[in-house]
Amino acid sequence: MNTEQQLQQLEQRIEELISISTRLRHENETLQAREGRLLEERAELLKKNDVAKTKVEAIISRLKSLEQEP
C-alpha cells in the first residue's frame, strides 16, 4: 500500500469519525432535551401527588370525625 492510498484511507476514516461525532452530538442534544422534559414532568407529577395525598388525608380526617359524632 503506497502513501497515497494510506492518506485516502486516513481521510475516509476521519470523515467517518466526523460523521459519527456529528450524529452522536445530535443524539446527545436530543436526549438532554428529553431528560429536561421528563424532569419537569416528574416535578409536576410529584406536586399533583402531594396535592392528592393532602386531599385524601383531609377526607379521611372528615370521615373519622363523622364516625365519632353521636
PDB file of N, CA and C in Angstrom:
ATOM      1  N   MET A   1       0.856  -1.173   0.000  1.00  0.00           N
ATOM      2  CA  MET A   1       0.000   0.000   0.000  1.00  0.00           C
ATOM      3  C   MET A   1       0.902   1.235   0.000  1.00  0.00           C
ATOM      4  N   ASN A   2       0.655   2.107  -0.931  1.00  0.00           N
ATOM      5  CA  ASN A   2       1.516   3.291  -1.016  1.00  0.00           C
ATOM      6  C   ASN A   2       0.983   4.425  -0.142  1.00  0.00           C
ATOM      7  N   THR A   3       1.742   5.453  -0.059  1.00  0.00           N
ATOM      8  CA  THR A   3       1.413   6.585   0.801  1.00  0.00           C
ATOM      9  C   THR A   3       0.102   7.245   0.388  1.00  0.00           C
ATOM     10  N   GLU A   4      -0.137   7.361  -0.896  1.00  0.00           N
ATOM     11  CA  GLU A   4      -1.383   7.974  -1.386  1.00  0.00           C
ATOM     12  C   GLU A   4      -2.593   7.173  -0.918  1.00  0.00           C
ATOM     13  N   GLN A   5      -2.519   5.868  -1.003  1.00  0.00           N
ATOM     14  CA  GLN A   5      -3.619   5.012  -0.557  1.00  0.00           C
ATOM     15  C   GLN A   5      -3.814   5.128   0.952  1.00  0.00           C
ATOM     16  N   GLN A   6      -2.733   5.184   1.679  1.00  0.00           N
ATOM     17  CA  GLN A   6      -2.823   5.339   3.130  1.00  0.00           C
ATOM     18  C   GLN A   6      -3.484   6.667   3.494  1.00  0.00           C
ATOM     19  N   LEU A   7      -3.113   7.705   2.786  1.00  0.00           N
ATOM     20  CA  LEU A   7      -3.718   9.013   3.037  1.00  0.00           C
ATOM     21  C   LEU A   7      -5.212   9.004   2.706  1.00  0.00           C
ATOM     22  N   GLN A   8      -5.585   8.335   1.633  1.00  0.00           N
ATOM     23  CA  GLN A   8      -7.001   8.236   1.270  1.00  0.00           C
ATOM     24  C   GLN A   8      -7.772   7.460   2.329  1.00  0.00           C
ATOM     25  N   GLN A   9      -7.189   6.376   2.816  1.00  0.00           N
ATOM     26  CA  GLN A   9      -7.845   5.603   3.874  1.00  0.00           C
ATOM     27  C   GLN A   9      -7.989   6.441   5.141  1.00  0.00           C
ATOM     28  N   LEU A  10      -6.938   7.152   5.475  1.00  0.00           N
ATOM     29  CA  LEU A  10      -6.973   8.012   6.653  1.00  0.00           C
ATOM     30  C   LEU A  10      -8.031   9.097   6.500  1.00  0.00           C
ATOM     31  N   GLU A  11      -8.093   9.708   5.329  1.00  0.00           N
ATOM     32  CA  GLU A  11      -9.097  10.741   5.065  1.00  0.00           C
ATOM     33  C   GLU A  11     -10.507  10.164   5.181  1.00  0.00           C
ATOM     34  N   GLN A  12     -10.711   8.978   4.634  1.00  0.00           N
ATOM     35  CA  GLN A  12     -12.023   8.332   4.710  1.00  0.00           C
ATOM     36  C   GLN A  12     -12.391   8.037   6.163  1.00  0.00           C
ATOM     37  N   ARG A  13     -11.429   7.548   6.922  1.00  0.00           N
ATOM     38  CA  ARG A  13     -11.690   7.234   8.334  1.00  0.00           C
ATOM     39  C   ARG A  13     -12.003   8.500   9.119  1.00  0.00           C
ATOM     40  N   ILE A  14     -11.286   9.570   8.841  1.00  0.00           N
ATOM     41  CA  ILE A  14     -11.550  10.845   9.515  1.00  0.00           C
ATOM     42  C   ILE A  14     -12.953  11.338   9.188  1.00  0.00           C
ATOM     43  N   GLU A  15     -13.367  11.231   7.936  1.00  0.00           N
ATOM     44  CA  GLU A  15     -14.720  11.639   7.542  1.00  0.00           C
ATOM     45  C   GLU A  15     -15.768  10.790   8.253  1.00  0.00           C
ATOM     46  N   GLU A  16     -15.518   9.496   8.382  1.00  0.00           N
ATOM     47  CA  GLU A  16     -16.440   8.616   9.105  1.00  0.00           C
ATOM     48  C   GLU A  16     -16.550   9.041  10.566  1.00  0.00           C
ATOM     49  N   LEU A  17     -15.405   9.336  11.170  1.00  0.00           N
ATOM     50  CA  LEU A  17     -15.407   9.749  12.575  1.00  0.00           C
ATOM     51  C   LEU A  17     -16.110  11.088  12.770  1.00  0.00           C
ATOM     52  N   ILE A  18     -15.932  11.999  11.829  1.00  0.00           N
ATOM     53  CA  ILE A  18     -16.641  13.282  11.901  1.00  0.00           C
ATOM     54  C   ILE A  18     -18.143  13.049  11.811  1.00  0.00           C
ATOM     55  N   SER A  19     -18.550  12.174  10.916  1.00  0.00           N
ATOM     56  CA  SER A  19     -19.970  11.860  10.758  1.00  0.00           C
ATOM     57  C   SER A  19     -20.533  11.234  12.033  1.00  0.00           C
ATOM     58  N   ILE A  20     -19.796  10.299  12.599  1.00  0.00           N
ATOM     59  CA  ILE A  20     -20.234   9.651  13.841  1.00  0.00           C
ATOM     60  C   ILE A  20     -20.320  10.680  14.964  1.00  0.00           C
ATOM     61  N   SER A  21     -19.319  11.537  15.058  1.00  0.00           N
ATOM     62  CA  SER A  21     -19.302  12.569  16.095  1.00  0.00           C
ATOM     63  C   SER A  21     -20.500  13.506  15.960  1.00  0.00           C
ATOM     64  N   THR A  22     -20.804  13.910  14.737  1.00  0.00           N
ATOM     65  CA  THR A  22     -21.950  14.791  14.491  1.00  0.00           C
ATOM     66  C   THR A  22     -23.254  14.110  14.890  1.00  0.00           C
ATOM     67  N   ARG A  23     -23.389  12.843  14.494  1.00  0.00           N
ATOM     68  CA  ARG A  23     -24.597  12.094  14.839  1.00  0.00           C
ATOM     69  C   ARG A  23     -24.740  11.950  16.349  1.00  0.00           C
ATOM     70  N   LEU A  24     -23.653  11.624  17.030  1.00  0.00           N
ATOM     71  CA  LEU A  24     -23.697  11.452  18.482  1.00  0.00           C
ATOM     72  C   LEU A  24     -23.979  12.767  19.199  1.00  0.00           C
ATOM     73  N   ARG A  25     -23.443  13.869  18.682  1.00  0.00           N
ATOM     74  CA  ARG A  25     -23.714  15.181  19.276  1.00  0.00           C
ATOM     75  C   ARG A  25     -25.202  15.501  19.171  1.00  0.00           C
ATOM     76  N   HIS A  26     -25.771  15.245  18.009  1.00  0.00           N
ATOM     77  CA  HIS A  26     -27.203  15.492  17.809  1.00  0.00           C
ATOM     78  C   HIS A  26     -28.028  14.595  18.733  1.00  0.00           C
ATOM     79  N   GLU A  27     -27.652  13.333  18.800  1.00  0.00           N
ATOM     80  CA  GLU A  27     -28.369  12.396  19.672  1.00  0.00           C
ATOM     81  C   GLU A  27     -28.273  12.841  21.130  1.00  0.00           C
ATOM     82  N   ASN A  28     -27.113  13.301  21.536  1.00  0.00           N
ATOM     83  CA  ASN A  28     -26.921  13.771  22.906  1.00  0.00           C
ATOM     84  C   ASN A  28     -27.803  14.981  23.201  1.00  0.00           C
ATOM     85  N   GLU A  29     -27.872  15.921  22.265  1.00  0.00           N
ATOM     86  CA  GLU A  29     -28.730  17.097  22.442  1.00  0.00           C
ATOM     87  C   GLU A  29     -30.189  16.682  22.577  1.00  0.00           C
ATOM     88  N   THR A  30     -30.603  15.733  21.748  1.00  0.00           N
ATOM     89  CA  THR A  30     -31.976  15.243  21.801  1.00  0.00           C
ATOM     90  C   THR A  30     -32.265  14.595  23.151  1.00  0.00           C
ATOM     91  N   LEU A  31     -31.339  13.773  23.615  1.00  0.00           N
ATOM     92  CA  LEU A  31     -31.524  13.092  24.897  1.00  0.00           C
ATOM     93  C   LEU A  31     -31.527  14.076  26.063  1.00  0.00           C
ATOM     94  N   GLN A  32     -30.697  15.099  25.997  1.00  0.00           N
ATOM     95  CA  GLN A  32     -30.678  16.096  27.063  1.00  0.00           C
ATOM     96  C   GLN A  32     -31.994  16.871  27.109  1.00  0.00           C
ATOM     97  N   ALA A  33     -32.527  17.198  25.950  1.00  0.00           N
ATOM     98  CA  ALA A  33     -33.817  17.892  25.900  1.00  0.00           C
ATOM     99  C   ALA A  33     -34.912  16.996  26.463  1.00  0.00           C
ATOM    100  N   ARG A  34     -34.875  15.725  26.099  1.00  0.00           N
ATOM    101  CA  ARG A  34     -35.876  14.776  26.604  1.00  0.00           C
ATOM    102  C   ARG A  34     -35.752  14.639  28.117  1.00  0.00           C
ATOM    103  N   GLU A  35     -34.531  14.559  28.614  1.00  0.00           N
ATOM    104  CA  GLU A  35     -34.324  14.455  30.054  1.00  0.00           C
ATOM    105  C   GLU A  35     -34.907  15.675  30.764  1.00  0.00           C
ATOM    106  N   GLY A  36     -34.694  16.850  30.195  1.00  0.00           N
ATOM    107  CA  GLY A  36     -35.246  18.067  30.783  1.00  0.00           C
ATOM    108  C   GLY A  36     -36.761  18.026  30.855  1.00  0.00           C
ATOM    109  N   ARG A  37     -37.386  17.591  29.767  1.00  0.00           N
ATOM    110  CA  ARG A  37     -38.857  17.487  29.753  1.00  0.00           C
ATOM    111  C   ARG A  37     -39.336  16.463  30.775  1.00  0.00           C
ATOM    112  N   LEU A  38     -38.638  15.333  30.868  1.00  0.00           N
ATOM    113  CA  LEU A  38     -39.036  14.298  31.822  1.00  0.00           C
ATOM    114  C   LEU A  38     -38.869  14.772  33.267  1.00  0.00           C
ATOM    115  N   LEU A  39     -37.824  15.533  33.531  1.00  0.00           N
ATOM    116  CA  LEU A  39     -37.637  16.067  34.882  1.00  0.00           C
ATOM    117  C   LEU A  39     -38.745  17.052  35.239  1.00  0.00           C
ATOM    118  N   GLU A  40     -39.138  17.881  34.271  1.00  0.00           N
ATOM    119  CA  GLU A  40     -40.255  18.804  34.503  1.00  0.00           C
ATOM    120  C   GLU A  40     -41.543  18.030  34.757  1.00  0.00           C
ATOM    121  N   GLU A  41     -41.778  17.015  33.948  1.00  0.00           N
ATOM    122  CA  GLU A  41     -42.985  16.199  34.113  1.00  0.00           C
ATOM    123  C   GLU A  41     -42.984  15.516  35.479  1.00  0.00           C
ATOM    124  N   ARG A  42     -41.830  15.012  35.886  1.00  0.00           N
ATOM    125  CA  ARG A  42     -41.720  14.351  37.189  1.00  0.00           C
ATOM    126  C   ARG A  42     -42.051  15.325  38.317  1.00  0.00           C
ATOM    127  N   ALA A  43     -41.522  16.542  38.225  1.00  0.00           N
ATOM    128  CA  ALA A  43     -41.790  17.548  39.252  1.00  0.00           C
ATOM    129  C   ALA A  43     -43.284  17.861  39.321  1.00  0.00           C
ATOM    130  N   GLU A  44     -43.925  17.986  38.161  1.00  0.00           N
ATOM    131  CA  GLU A  44     -45.367  18.246  38.131  1.00  0.00           C
ATOM    132  C   GLU A  44     -46.141  17.089  38.747  1.00  0.00           C
ATOM    133  N   LEU A  45     -45.745  15.864  38.418  1.00  0.00           N
ATOM    134  CA  LEU A  45     -46.435  14.700  38.962  1.00  0.00           C
ATOM    135  C   LEU A  45     -46.248  14.590  40.470  1.00  0.00           C
ATOM    136  N   LEU A  46     -45.067  14.932  40.959  1.00  0.00           N
ATOM    137  CA  LEU A  46     -44.837  14.911  42.405  1.00  0.00           C
ATOM    138  C   LEU A  46     -45.728  15.933  43.109  1.00  0.00           C
ATOM    139  N   LYS A  47     -45.876  17.125  42.497  1.00  0.00           N
ATOM    140  CA  LYS A  47     -46.760  18.138  43.076  1.00  0.00           C
ATOM    141  C   LYS A  47     -48.202  17.641  43.099  1.00  0.00           C
ATOM    142  N   LYS A  48     -48.646  17.071  41.975  1.00  0.00           N
ATOM    143  CA  LYS A  48     -50.017  16.563  41.907  1.00  0.00           C
ATOM    144  C   LYS A  48     -50.229  15.447  42.920  1.00  0.00           C
ATOM    145  N   ASN A  49     -49.233  14.594  43.079  1.00  0.00           N
ATOM    146  CA  ASN A  49     -49.326  13.506  44.042  1.00  0.00           C
ATOM    147  C   ASN A  49     -49.443  14.060  45.459  1.00  0.00           C
ATOM    148  N   ASP A  50     -48.683  15.106  45.754  1.00  0.00           N
ATOM    149  CA  ASP A  50     -48.734  15.716  47.076  1.00  0.00           C
ATOM    150  C   ASP A  50     -50.101  16.343  47.331  1.00  0.00           C
ATOM    151  N   VAL A  51     -50.651  17.011  46.316  1.00  0.00           N
ATOM    152  CA  VAL A  51     -51.987  17.608  46.445  1.00  0.00           C
ATOM    153  C   VAL A  51     -53.028  16.519  46.678  1.00  0.00           C
ATOM    154  N   ALA A  52     -52.942  15.438  45.915  1.00  0.00           N
ATOM    155  CA  ALA A  52     -53.892  14.335  46.074  1.00  0.00           C
ATOM    156  C   ALA A  52     -53.766  13.715  47.460  1.00  0.00           C
ATOM    157  N   LYS A  53     -52.549  13.552  47.927  1.00  0.00           N
ATOM    158  CA  LYS A  53     -52.322  12.974  49.257  1.00  0.00           C
ATOM    159  C   LYS A  53     -52.953  13.855  50.329  1.00  0.00           C
ATOM    160  N   THR A  54     -52.769  15.161  50.207  1.00  0.00           N
ATOM    161  CA  THR A  54     -53.343  16.095  51.171  1.00  0.00           C
ATOM    162  C   THR A  54     -54.869  16.010  51.164  1.00  0.00           C
ATOM    163  N   LYS A  55     -55.455  15.932  49.972  1.00  0.00           N
ATOM    164  CA  LYS A  55     -56.917  15.835  49.871  1.00  0.00           C
ATOM    165  C   LYS A  55     -57.428  14.539  50.476  1.00  0.00           C
ATOM    166  N   VAL A  56     -56.746  13.435  50.205  1.00  0.00           N
ATOM    167  CA  VAL A  56     -57.164  12.141  50.754  1.00  0.00           C
ATOM    168  C   VAL A  56     -57.051  12.159  52.274  1.00  0.00           C
ATOM    169  N   GLU A  57     -55.980  12.726  52.790  1.00  0.00           N
ATOM    170  CA  GLU A  57     -55.825  12.815  54.244  1.00  0.00           C
ATOM    171  C   GLU A  57     -56.939  13.656  54.858  1.00  0.00           C
ATOM    172  N   ALA A  58     -57.327  14.731  54.188  1.00  0.00           N
ATOM    173  CA  ALA A  58     -58.414  15.579  54.686  1.00  0.00           C
ATOM    174  C   ALA A  58     -59.730  14.813  54.671  1.00  0.00           C
ATOM    175  N   ILE A  59     -59.978  14.049  53.621  1.00  0.00           N
ATOM    176  CA  ILE A  59     -61.204  13.246  53.540  1.00  0.00           C
ATOM    177  C   ILE A  59     -61.226  12.211  54.655  1.00  0.00           C
ATOM    178  N   ILE A  60     -60.103  11.561  54.886  1.00  0.00           N
ATOM    179  CA  ILE A  60     -60.027  10.555  55.953  1.00  0.00           C
ATOM    180  C   ILE A  60     -60.295  11.203  57.307  1.00  0.00           C
ATOM    181  N   SER A  61     -59.740  12.375  57.536  1.00  0.00           N
ATOM    182  CA  SER A  61     -59.978  13.086  58.800  1.00  0.00           C
ATOM    183  C   SER A  61     -61.458  13.414  58.967  1.00  0.00           C
ATOM    184  N   ARG A  62     -62.088  13.879  57.892  1.00  0.00           N
ATOM    185  CA  ARG A  62     -63.524  14.190  57.968  1.00  0.00           C
ATOM    186  C   ARG A  62     -64.344  12.940  58.243  1.00  0.00           C
ATOM    187  N   LEU A  63     -63.995  11.850  57.590  1.00  0.00           N
ATOM    188  CA  LEU A  63     -64.725  10.600  57.818  1.00  0.00           C
ATOM    189  C   LEU A  63     -64.561  10.127  59.253  1.00  0.00           C
ATOM    190  N   LYS A  64     -63.363  10.242  59.791  1.00  0.00           N
ATOM    191  CA  LYS A  64     -63.138   9.840  61.180  1.00  0.00           C
ATOM    192  C   LYS A  64     -63.938  10.714  62.131  1.00  0.00           C
ATOM    193  N   SER A  65     -63.999  12.014  61.843  1.00  0.00           N
ATOM    194  CA  SER A  65     -64.764  12.907  62.720  1.00  0.00           C
ATOM    195  C   SER A  65     -66.254  12.608  62.613  1.00  0.00           C
ATOM    196  N   LEU A  66     -66.726  12.196  61.445  1.00  0.00           N
ATOM    197  CA  LEU A  66     -68.134  11.827  61.296  1.00  0.00           C
ATOM    198  C   LEU A  66     -68.447  10.546  62.060  1.00  0.00           C
ATOM    199  N   GLU A  67     -67.515   9.624  62.104  1.00  0.00           N
ATOM    200  CA  GLU A  67     -67.714   8.376  62.843  1.00  0.00           C
ATOM    201  C   GLU A  67     -67.824   8.639  64.335  1.00  0.00           C
ATOM    202  N   GLN A  68     -67.154   9.667  64.825  1.00  0.00           N
ATOM    203  CA  GLN A  68     -67.130   9.945  66.256  1.00  0.00           C
ATOM    204  C   GLN A  68     -68.352  10.727  66.718  1.00  0.00           C
ATOM    205  N   GLU A  69     -69.101  11.297  65.797  1.00  0.00           N
ATOM    206  CA  GLU A  69     -70.304  12.038  66.179  1.00  0.00           C
ATOM    207  C   GLU A  69     -71.375  11.055  66.635  1.00  0.00           C
ATOM    208  N   PRO A  70     -72.118  11.446  67.692  1.00  0.00           N
ATOM    209  CA  PRO A  70     -73.173  10.541  68.205  1.00  0.00           C
ATOM    210  C   PRO A  70     -74.354  10.421  67.282  1.00  0.00           C
TER     211      PRO A  70
END
